[in-house]
Amino acid sequence: MITKIESLEVDKDEVFVRAIVENMVYLYSQTLYDPPEFGPALCEASFPLDEEQVLPDNEHELLQFLEDLDLNW
């Protein structure tokens, strides 16, 4: 889950995104009583942008758009 977009750059037909993504960093090891814990981290991803595709202007819609892409952070 993306919590915040740090930067978004469009270069011709490629989009580069830096965002804070939940559950990306290993914080604590598993114990006998508790599972391992993960926390948020700054991540980068990129994806091609089709000619007909338009990025949403609204931040909430942009977050949903990026979530739907299922990017490899």
PDB file of N, CA and C in Angstrom:
ATOM      1  N   MET A   1       0.839  -1.172   0.000  1.00  0.00           N
ATOM      2  CA  MET A   1       0.000   0.000   0.000  1.00  0.00           C
ATOM      3  C   MET A   1       0.890   1.243   0.000  1.00  0.00           C
ATOM      4  N   ILE A   2       0.620   2.134  -0.897  1.00  0.00           N
ATOM      5  CA  ILE A   2       1.357   3.381  -1.017  1.00  0.00           C
ATOM      6  C   ILE A   2       0.723   4.398  -0.066  1.00  0.00           C
ATOM      7  N   THR A   3       1.553   5.028   0.772  1.00  0.00           N
ATOM      8  CA  THR A   3       1.017   6.018   1.701  1.00  0.00           C
ATOM      9  C   THR A   3       1.280   7.452   1.263  1.00  0.00           C
ATOM     10  N   LYS A   4       2.402   7.681   0.539  1.00  0.00           N
ATOM     11  CA  LYS A   4       2.721   9.038   0.113  1.00  0.00           C
ATOM     12  C   LYS A   4       3.606   8.997  -1.131  1.00  0.00           C
ATOM     13  N   ILE A   5       3.318   9.847  -2.086  1.00  0.00           N
ATOM     14  CA  ILE A   5       4.148   9.972  -3.281  1.00  0.00           C
ATOM     15  C   ILE A   5       5.162  11.079  -3.030  1.00  0.00           C
ATOM     16  N   GLU A   6       6.431  10.729  -3.090  1.00  0.00           N
ATOM     17  CA  GLU A   6       7.504  11.701  -2.881  1.00  0.00           C
ATOM     18  C   GLU A   6       7.801  12.469  -4.166  1.00  0.00           C
ATOM     19  N   SER A   7       7.878  11.753  -5.292  1.00  0.00           N
ATOM     20  CA  SER A   7       8.115  12.421  -6.574  1.00  0.00           C
ATOM     21  C   SER A   7       7.532  11.580  -7.699  1.00  0.00           C
ATOM     22  N   LEU A   8       7.177  12.270  -8.774  1.00  0.00           N
ATOM     23  CA  LEU A   8       6.620  11.629  -9.958  1.00  0.00           C
ATOM     24  C   LEU A   8       7.159  12.386 -11.162  1.00  0.00           C
ATOM     25  N   GLU A   9       7.887  11.682 -12.032  1.00  0.00           N
ATOM     26  CA  GLU A   9       8.468  12.307 -13.215  1.00  0.00           C
ATOM     27  C   GLU A   9       8.029  11.541 -14.461  1.00  0.00           C
ATOM     28  N   VAL A  10       7.639  12.293 -15.470  1.00  0.00           N
ATOM     29  CA  VAL A  10       7.258  11.696 -16.743  1.00  0.00           C
ATOM     30  C   VAL A  10       8.322  12.086 -17.761  1.00  0.00           C
ATOM     31  N   ASP A  11       8.957  11.073 -18.374  1.00  0.00           N
ATOM     32  CA  ASP A  11       9.994  11.302 -19.367  1.00  0.00           C
ATOM     33  C   ASP A  11       9.594  10.568 -20.638  1.00  0.00           C
ATOM     34  N   LYS A  12       9.077  11.326 -21.590  1.00  0.00           N
ATOM     35  CA  LYS A  12       8.567  10.783 -22.857  1.00  0.00           C
ATOM     36  C   LYS A  12       7.467   9.778 -22.582  1.00  0.00           C
ATOM     37  N   ASP A  13       7.752   8.482 -22.696  1.00  0.00           N
ATOM     38  CA  ASP A  13       6.715   7.469 -22.493  1.00  0.00           C
ATOM     39  C   ASP A  13       6.992   6.599 -21.265  1.00  0.00           C
ATOM     40  N   GLU A  14       7.782   7.107 -20.312  1.00  0.00           N
ATOM     41  CA  GLU A  14       8.131   6.378 -19.098  1.00  0.00           C
ATOM     42  C   GLU A  14       7.824   7.250 -17.880  1.00  0.00           C
ATOM     43  N   VAL A  15       7.243   6.624 -16.841  1.00  0.00           N
ATOM     44  CA  VAL A  15       6.921   7.342 -15.606  1.00  0.00           C
ATOM     45  C   VAL A  15       7.785   6.766 -14.491  1.00  0.00           C
ATOM     46  N   PHE A  16       8.436   7.653 -13.732  1.00  0.00           N
ATOM     47  CA  PHE A  16       9.273   7.272 -12.603  1.00  0.00           C
ATOM     48  C   PHE A  16       8.626   7.780 -11.323  1.00  0.00           C
ATOM     49  N   VAL A  17       8.464   6.879 -10.349  1.00  0.00           N
ATOM     50  CA  VAL A  17       7.770   7.217  -9.109  1.00  0.00           C
ATOM     51  C   VAL A  17       8.655   6.874  -7.914  1.00  0.00           C
ATOM     52  N   ARG A  18       8.707   7.792  -6.939  1.00  0.00           N
ATOM     53  CA  ARG A  18       9.316   7.532  -5.635  1.00  0.00           C
ATOM     54  C   ARG A  18       8.209   7.719  -4.620  1.00  0.00           C
ATOM     55  N   ALA A  19       7.994   6.701  -3.768  1.00  0.00           N
ATOM     56  CA  ALA A  19       6.885   6.767  -2.826  1.00  0.00           C
ATOM     57  C   ALA A  19       7.207   6.002  -1.547  1.00  0.00           C
ATOM     58  N   ILE A  20       6.485   6.351  -0.488  1.00  0.00           N
ATOM     59  CA  ILE A  20       6.566   5.609   0.760  1.00  0.00           C
ATOM     60  C   ILE A  20       5.584   4.448   0.635  1.00  0.00           C
ATOM     61  N   VAL A  21       6.106   3.222   0.786  1.00  0.00           N
ATOM     62  CA  VAL A  21       5.291   2.017   0.627  1.00  0.00           C
ATOM     63  C   VAL A  21       5.322   1.223   1.937  1.00  0.00           C
ATOM     64  N   GLU A  22       4.155   0.793   2.385  1.00  0.00           N
ATOM     65  CA  GLU A  22       4.029   0.026   3.626  1.00  0.00           C
ATOM     66  C   GLU A  22       4.639  -1.373   3.488  1.00  0.00           C
ATOM     67  N   ASN A  23       5.061  -1.926   4.607  1.00  0.00           N
ATOM     68  CA  ASN A  23       5.535  -3.316   4.718  1.00  0.00           C
ATOM     69  C   ASN A  23       6.675  -3.666   3.765  1.00  0.00           C
ATOM     70  N   MET A  24       7.647  -2.766   3.639  1.00  0.00           N
ATOM     71  CA  MET A  24       8.756  -3.022   2.726  1.00  0.00           C
ATOM     72  C   MET A  24      10.080  -3.288   3.441  1.00  0.00           C
ATOM     73  N   VAL A  25      10.204  -2.866   4.704  1.00  0.00           N
ATOM     74  CA  VAL A  25      11.458  -3.014   5.441  1.00  0.00           C
ATOM     75  C   VAL A  25      11.237  -3.959   6.619  1.00  0.00           C
ATOM     76  N   TYR A  26      12.144  -4.895   6.757  1.00  0.00           N
ATOM     77  CA  TYR A  26      12.099  -5.851   7.860  1.00  0.00           C
ATOM     78  C   TYR A  26      12.525  -5.142   9.137  1.00  0.00           C
ATOM     79  N   LEU A  27      11.632  -5.052  10.154  1.00  0.00           N
ATOM     80  CA  LEU A  27      11.936  -4.328  11.382  1.00  0.00           C
ATOM     81  C   LEU A  27      12.353  -5.244  12.534  1.00  0.00           C
ATOM     82  N   TYR A  28      11.526  -6.242  12.829  1.00  0.00           N
ATOM     83  CA  TYR A  28      11.780  -7.111  13.973  1.00  0.00           C
ATOM     84  C   TYR A  28      11.632  -8.576  13.584  1.00  0.00           C
ATOM     85  N   SER A  29      12.484  -9.387  14.133  1.00  0.00           N
ATOM     86  CA  SER A  29      12.427 -10.825  13.871  1.00  0.00           C
ATOM     87  C   SER A  29      11.238 -11.467  14.569  1.00  0.00           C
ATOM     88  N   GLN A  30      10.868 -12.589  14.067  1.00  0.00           N
ATOM     89  CA  GLN A  30       9.804 -13.379  14.668  1.00  0.00           C
ATOM     90  C   GLN A  30      10.262 -13.892  16.023  1.00  0.00           C
ATOM     91  N   THR A  31       9.330 -13.909  16.983  1.00  0.00           N
ATOM     92  CA  THR A  31       9.610 -14.507  18.287  1.00  0.00           C
ATOM     93  C   THR A  31       8.704 -15.711  18.455  1.00  0.00           C
ATOM     94  N   LEU A  32       8.805 -16.319  19.589  1.00  0.00           N
ATOM     95  CA  LEU A  32       7.961 -17.476  19.878  1.00  0.00           C
ATOM     96  C   LEU A  32       6.482 -17.075  19.901  1.00  0.00           C
ATOM     97  N   TYR A  33       6.216 -15.816  20.258  1.00  0.00           N
ATOM     98  CA  TYR A  33       4.834 -15.355  20.427  1.00  0.00           C
ATOM     99  C   TYR A  33       4.355 -14.386  19.347  1.00  0.00           C
ATOM    100  N   ASP A  34       5.271 -13.753  18.644  1.00  0.00           N
ATOM    101  CA  ASP A  34       4.893 -12.725  17.679  1.00  0.00           C
ATOM    102  C   ASP A  34       5.476 -13.011  16.298  1.00  0.00           C
ATOM    103  N   PRO A  35       4.746 -12.640  15.253  1.00  0.00           N
ATOM    104  CA  PRO A  35       5.266 -12.786  13.884  1.00  0.00           C
ATOM    105  C   PRO A  35       6.302 -11.702  13.598  1.00  0.00           C
ATOM    106  N   PRO A  36       7.037 -11.803  12.506  1.00  0.00           N
ATOM    107  CA  PRO A  36       7.981 -10.743  12.147  1.00  0.00           C
ATOM    108  C   PRO A  36       7.225  -9.451  11.816  1.00  0.00           C
ATOM    109  N   GLU A  37       7.890  -8.315  12.016  1.00  0.00           N
ATOM    110  CA  GLU A  37       7.259  -7.026  11.728  1.00  0.00           C
ATOM    111  C   GLU A  37       7.981  -6.322  10.593  1.00  0.00           C
ATOM    112  N   PHE A  38       7.191  -5.681   9.746  1.00  0.00           N
ATOM    113  CA  PHE A  38       7.710  -4.929   8.619  1.00  0.00           C
ATOM    114  C   PHE A  38       7.211  -3.494   8.719  1.00  0.00           C
ATOM    115  N   GLY A  39       7.955  -2.559   8.146  1.00  0.00           N
ATOM    116  CA  GLY A  39       7.577  -1.149   8.199  1.00  0.00           C
ATOM    117  C   GLY A  39       7.665  -0.486   6.847  1.00  0.00           C
ATOM    118  N   PRO A  40       7.287   0.809   6.777  1.00  0.00           N
ATOM    119  CA  PRO A  40       7.310   1.547   5.515  1.00  0.00           C
ATOM    120  C   PRO A  40       8.731   1.907   5.095  1.00  0.00           C
ATOM    121  N   ALA A  41       8.915   2.128   3.791  1.00  0.00           N
ATOM    122  CA  ALA A  41      10.218   2.523   3.248  1.00  0.00           C
ATOM    123  C   ALA A  41      10.011   3.346   1.982  1.00  0.00           C
ATOM    124  N   LEU A  42      11.017   4.155   1.664  1.00  0.00           N
ATOM    125  CA  LEU A  42      11.017   4.914   0.414  1.00  0.00           C
ATOM    126  C   LEU A  42      11.421   3.969  -0.714  1.00  0.00           C
ATOM    127  N   CYS A  43      10.575   3.853  -1.728  1.00  0.00           N
ATOM    128  CA  CYS A  43      10.806   2.912  -2.823  1.00  0.00           C
ATOM    129  C   CYS A  43      10.704   3.636  -4.168  1.00  0.00           C
ATOM    130  N   GLU A  44      11.274   3.011  -5.182  1.00  0.00           N
ATOM    131  CA  GLU A  44      11.218   3.543  -6.541  1.00  0.00           C
ATOM    132  C   GLU A  44      10.648   2.508  -7.487  1.00  0.00           C
ATOM    133  N   ALA A  45       9.943   2.997  -8.492  1.00  0.00           N
ATOM    134  CA  ALA A  45       9.409   2.115  -9.532  1.00  0.00           C
ATOM    135  C   ALA A  45       9.234   2.947 -10.800  1.00  0.00           C
ATOM    136  N   SER A  46       9.128   2.248 -11.917  1.00  0.00           N
ATOM    137  CA  SER A  46       8.852   2.920 -13.188  1.00  0.00           C
ATOM    138  C   SER A  46       7.924   2.038 -14.005  1.00  0.00           C
ATOM    139  N   PHE A  47       7.221   2.686 -14.927  1.00  0.00           N
ATOM    140  CA  PHE A  47       6.319   1.942 -15.804  1.00  0.00           C
ATOM    141  C   PHE A  47       6.129   2.726 -17.095  1.00  0.00           C
ATOM    142  N   PRO A  48       5.836   2.024 -18.188  1.00  0.00           N
ATOM    143  CA  PRO A  48       5.603   2.717 -19.467  1.00  0.00           C
ATOM    144  C   PRO A  48       4.230   3.388 -19.459  1.00  0.00           C
ATOM    145  N   LEU A  49       4.159   4.513 -20.125  1.00  0.00           N
ATOM    146  CA  LEU A  49       2.906   5.251 -20.239  1.00  0.00           C
ATOM    147  C   LEU A  49       2.459   5.211 -21.692  1.00  0.00           C
ATOM    148  N   ASP A  50       1.286   4.647 -21.932  1.00  0.00           N
ATOM    149  CA  ASP A  50       0.730   4.590 -23.285  1.00  0.00           C
ATOM    150  C   ASP A  50       0.337   5.991 -23.751  1.00  0.00           C
ATOM    151  N   GLU A  51       0.270   6.172 -25.056  1.00  0.00           N
ATOM    152  CA  GLU A  51      -0.084   7.475 -25.619  1.00  0.00           C
ATOM    153  C   GLU A  51      -1.477   7.923 -25.194  1.00  0.00           C
ATOM    154  N   GLU A  52      -2.419   6.985 -25.082  1.00  0.00           N
ATOM    155  CA  GLU A  52      -3.785   7.323 -24.721  1.00  0.00           C
ATOM    156  C   GLU A  52      -3.977   7.451 -23.218  1.00  0.00           C
ATOM    157  N   GLN A  53      -3.025   6.962 -22.442  1.00  0.00           N
ATOM    158  CA  GLN A  53      -3.149   6.940 -20.990  1.00  0.00           C
ATOM    159  C   GLN A  53      -2.828   8.312 -20.397  1.00  0.00           C
ATOM    160  N   VAL A  54      -3.665   8.754 -19.444  1.00  0.00           N
ATOM    161  CA  VAL A  54      -3.472  10.043 -18.785  1.00  0.00           C
ATOM    162  C   VAL A  54      -3.383   9.797 -17.284  1.00  0.00           C
ATOM    163  N   LEU A  55      -2.391  10.405 -16.634  1.00  0.00           N
ATOM    164  CA  LEU A  55      -2.256  10.269 -15.187  1.00  0.00           C
ATOM    165  C   LEU A  55      -3.301  11.139 -14.494  1.00  0.00           C
ATOM    166  N   PRO A  56      -3.928  10.630 -13.435  1.00  0.00           N
ATOM    167  CA  PRO A  56      -4.926  11.424 -12.707  1.00  0.00           C
ATOM    168  C   PRO A  56      -4.295  12.657 -12.062  1.00  0.00           C
ATOM    169  N   ASP A  57      -5.060  13.751 -11.973  1.00  0.00           N
ATOM    170  CA  ASP A  57      -4.597  14.983 -11.345  1.00  0.00           C
ATOM    171  C   ASP A  57      -4.778  14.941  -9.829  1.00  0.00           C
ATOM    172  N   ASN A  58      -5.826  14.294  -9.385  1.00  0.00           N
ATOM    173  CA  ASN A  58      -6.150  14.192  -7.970  1.00  0.00           C
ATOM    174  C   ASN A  58      -5.181  13.214  -7.295  1.00  0.00           C
ATOM    175  N   GLU A  59      -4.615  13.584  -6.128  1.00  0.00           N
ATOM    176  CA  GLU A  59      -3.634  12.727  -5.459  1.00  0.00           C
ATOM    177  C   GLU A  59      -4.238  11.385  -5.040  1.00  0.00           C
ATOM    178  N   HIS A  60      -5.466  11.410  -4.534  1.00  0.00           N
ATOM    179  CA  HIS A  60      -6.126  10.168  -4.127  1.00  0.00           C
ATOM    180  C   HIS A  60      -6.316   9.234  -5.326  1.00  0.00           C
ATOM    181  N   GLU A  61      -6.745   9.769  -6.444  1.00  0.00           N
ATOM    182  CA  GLU A  61      -6.935   8.967  -7.659  1.00  0.00           C
ATOM    183  C   GLU A  61      -5.600   8.461  -8.198  1.00  0.00           C
ATOM    184  N   LEU A  62      -4.544   9.280  -8.075  1.00  0.00           N
ATOM    185  CA  LEU A  62      -3.220   8.873  -8.513  1.00  0.00           C
ATOM    186  C   LEU A  62      -2.703   7.710  -7.653  1.00  0.00           C
ATOM    187  N   LEU A  63      -2.908   7.789  -6.349  1.00  0.00           N
ATOM    188  CA  LEU A  63      -2.516   6.682  -5.466  1.00  0.00           C
ATOM    189  C   LEU A  63      -3.244   5.397  -5.863  1.00  0.00           C
ATOM    190  N   GLN A  64      -4.541   5.505  -6.127  1.00  0.00           N
ATOM    191  CA  GLN A  64      -5.319   4.326  -6.530  1.00  0.00           C
ATOM    192  C   GLN A  64      -4.846   3.789  -7.877  1.00  0.00           C
ATOM    193  N   PHE A  65      -4.540   4.670  -8.811  1.00  0.00           N
ATOM    194  CA  PHE A  65      -4.034   4.286 -10.124  1.00  0.00           C
ATOM    195  C   PHE A  65      -2.732   3.488  -9.977  1.00  0.00           C
ATOM    196  N   LEU A  66      -1.805   3.987  -9.144  1.00  0.00           N
ATOM    197  CA  LEU A  66      -0.532   3.299  -8.926  1.00  0.00           C
ATOM    198  C   LEU A  66      -0.719   1.965  -8.216  1.00  0.00           C
ATOM    199  N   GLU A  67      -1.642   1.902  -7.262  1.00  0.00           N
ATOM    200  CA  GLU A  67      -1.936   0.640  -6.571  1.00  0.00           C
ATOM    201  C   GLU A  67      -2.463  -0.400  -7.565  1.00  0.00           C
ATOM    202  N   ASP A  68      -3.309   0.029  -8.464  1.00  0.00           N
ATOM    203  CA  ASP A  68      -3.906  -0.885  -9.444  1.00  0.00           C
ATOM    204  C   ASP A  68      -2.870  -1.442 -10.426  1.00  0.00           C
ATOM    205  N   LEU A  69      -1.761  -0.717 -10.620  1.00  0.00           N
ATOM    206  CA  LEU A  69      -0.720  -1.184 -11.535  1.00  0.00           C
ATOM    207  C   LEU A  69       0.068  -2.361 -10.969  1.00  0.00           C
ATOM    208  N   ASP A  70       0.043  -2.524  -9.647  1.00  0.00           N
ATOM    209  CA  ASP A  70       0.790  -3.601  -8.989  1.00  0.00           C
ATOM    210  C   ASP A  70       2.272  -3.548  -9.381  1.00  0.00           C
ATOM    211  N   LEU A  71       2.896  -2.419  -9.109  1.00  0.00           N
ATOM    212  CA  LEU A  71       4.290  -2.181  -9.469  1.00  0.00           C
ATOM    213  C   LEU A  71       5.254  -3.033  -8.646  1.00  0.00           C
ATOM    214  N   ASN A  72       6.412  -3.299  -9.210  1.00  0.00           N
ATOM    215  CA  ASN A  72       7.468  -4.037  -8.527  1.00  0.00           C
ATOM    216  C   ASN A  72       8.387  -3.005  -7.874  1.00  0.00           C
ATOM    217  N   TRP A  73       8.130  -2.689  -6.600  1.00  0.00           N
ATOM    218  CA  TRP A  73       8.896  -1.668  -5.884  1.00  0.00           C
ATOM    219  C   TRP A  73      10.249  -2.178  -5.506  1.00  0.00           C
TER     220      TRP A  73
END
